[in-house]
Protein backbone atom coordinates (compact mmCIF):
# COMPACT_ATOMS: atom_id res chain seq x y z
CA UNK A 1 0.48 -0.06 -0.33
CA UNK A 2 1.63 3.25 -0.60
CA UNK A 3 2.40 6.33 1.28
CA UNK A 4 -0.11 8.40 -1.09
CA UNK A 5 -2.87 6.57 -0.84
CA UNK A 6 -6.42 7.35 0.35
CA UNK A 7 -6.15 6.58 3.81
CA UNK A 8 -3.31 8.76 4.43
CA UNK A 9 -0.75 8.44 7.40
CA UNK A 10 -2.23 9.05 9.95
CA UNK A 11 -4.98 5.88 8.84
CA UNK A 12 -1.86 3.74 8.13
CA UNK A 13 -0.63 4.15 11.76
CA UNK A 14 -3.78 4.19 13.79
CA UNK A 15 -4.11 0.83 12.32
CA UNK A 16 -0.78 -0.14 13.22
CA UNK A 17 -1.17 1.54 16.60
CA UNK A 18 -4.02 -0.54 16.99
CA UNK A 19 -2.86 -3.85 16.01
CA UNK A 20 -0.43 -3.56 18.63
CA UNK A 21 -3.24 -3.48 21.12
CA UNK A 22 -4.27 -6.30 20.54
CA UNK A 23 -1.76 -8.37 20.27
CA UNK A 24 -0.06 -6.85 23.53
CA UNK A 25 -3.12 -7.56 25.05
CA UNK A 26 -3.44 -11.11 23.95
CA UNK A 27 -0.41 -12.32 24.58
CA UNK A 28 2.45 -11.28 27.06
CA UNK A 29 6.51 -12.04 25.88
CA UNK A 30 8.95 -13.02 28.31
CA UNK A 31 11.41 -14.37 28.83
CA UNK A 32 12.03 -17.28 31.98
CA UNK A 33 14.49 -20.20 32.50
CA UNK A 34 12.36 -23.40 33.13
CA UNK A 35 13.47 -26.59 34.88
CA UNK A 36 13.98 -29.11 31.75
CA UNK A 37 12.28 -31.71 33.42
CA UNK A 38 9.11 -29.94 34.62
CA UNK A 39 8.74 -29.34 30.76
CA UNK A 40 9.55 -32.63 29.97
CA UNK A 41 6.66 -34.14 31.96
CA UNK A 42 4.22 -31.62 31.51
CA UNK A 43 4.74 -32.99 27.31
CA UNK A 44 5.15 -36.25 28.38
CA UNK A 45 1.07 -36.66 30.44
CA UNK A 46 -0.06 -34.60 28.14
CA UNK A 47 -0.65 -33.03 24.30
CA UNK A 48 1.90 -29.57 24.40
CA UNK A 49 3.97 -30.50 21.29
CA UNK A 50 6.08 -27.37 22.73
CA UNK A 51 7.74 -25.94 25.19
CA UNK A 52 5.18 -23.16 24.78
CA UNK A 53 1.79 -24.89 25.00
CA UNK A 54 3.05 -27.25 27.79
CA UNK A 55 3.81 -23.67 29.82
CA UNK A 56 0.19 -22.83 28.40
CA UNK A 57 -0.78 -25.39 29.64
CA UNK A 58 0.20 -25.58 33.15
CA UNK A 59 -0.62 -21.81 33.22
CA UNK A 60 -4.38 -22.69 32.97
CA UNK A 61 -4.79 -25.51 35.38
CA UNK A 62 -2.45 -23.85 37.63
CA UNK A 63 -5.29 -20.78 37.38
CA UNK A 64 -8.08 -23.18 37.09
CA UNK A 65 -7.31 -24.47 40.46
CA UNK A 66 -6.93 -21.23 42.51
CA UNK A 67 -10.22 -20.40 40.95
CA UNK A 68 -12.03 -24.10 42.08
CA UNK A 69 -9.88 -23.36 45.76
CA UNK A 70 -11.92 -19.98 45.83
CA UNK A 71 -14.91 -21.61 45.07
CA UNK A 72 -13.97 -24.56 47.85
CA UNK A 73 -14.49 -21.18 50.68
CA UNK A 74 -17.73 -20.24 49.84
CA UNK A 75 -18.57 -23.20 50.61
CA UNK A 76 -21.80 -23.37 53.20
CA UNK A 77 -21.31 -19.24 52.66
CA UNK A 78 -24.04 -18.81 50.37
CA UNK A 79 -27.71 -19.22 51.19
CA UNK A 80 -29.95 -20.79 49.07
CA UNK A 81 -33.58 -20.52 48.05
CA UNK A 82 -34.66 -22.22 45.71
CA UNK A 83 -37.12 -25.93 44.49
CA UNK A 84 -34.33 -27.72 42.22
CA UNK A 85 -37.28 -29.75 41.54
CA UNK A 86 -38.95 -27.61 40.37
CA UNK A 87 -36.12 -26.39 38.53
CA UNK A 88 -35.63 -29.50 37.02
CA UNK A 89 -38.72 -29.81 35.10
CA UNK A 90 -38.67 -30.37 31.18
CA UNK A 91 -35.06 -31.67 31.89
CA UNK A 92 -34.07 -35.35 30.39
């Protein structure tokens, strides 16, 4: 695309800026030291094909575990009122 196009330089800059924000919000690039034995275990026992996939899976599972711990803390603290049998009507 030529800079002399009808869109103009400002529009192109805006597109690049918007793309950069989208990329930054989607993922964060970082350099970390990983224990090879843990990465190999994750890759061996999961369907992860790359180290990046292994780290993503490990982070997803850890985040899920932390959320479940928070839900468990709520046990017995929330009062529920309703008719469970009525809610189940119409279900198989």
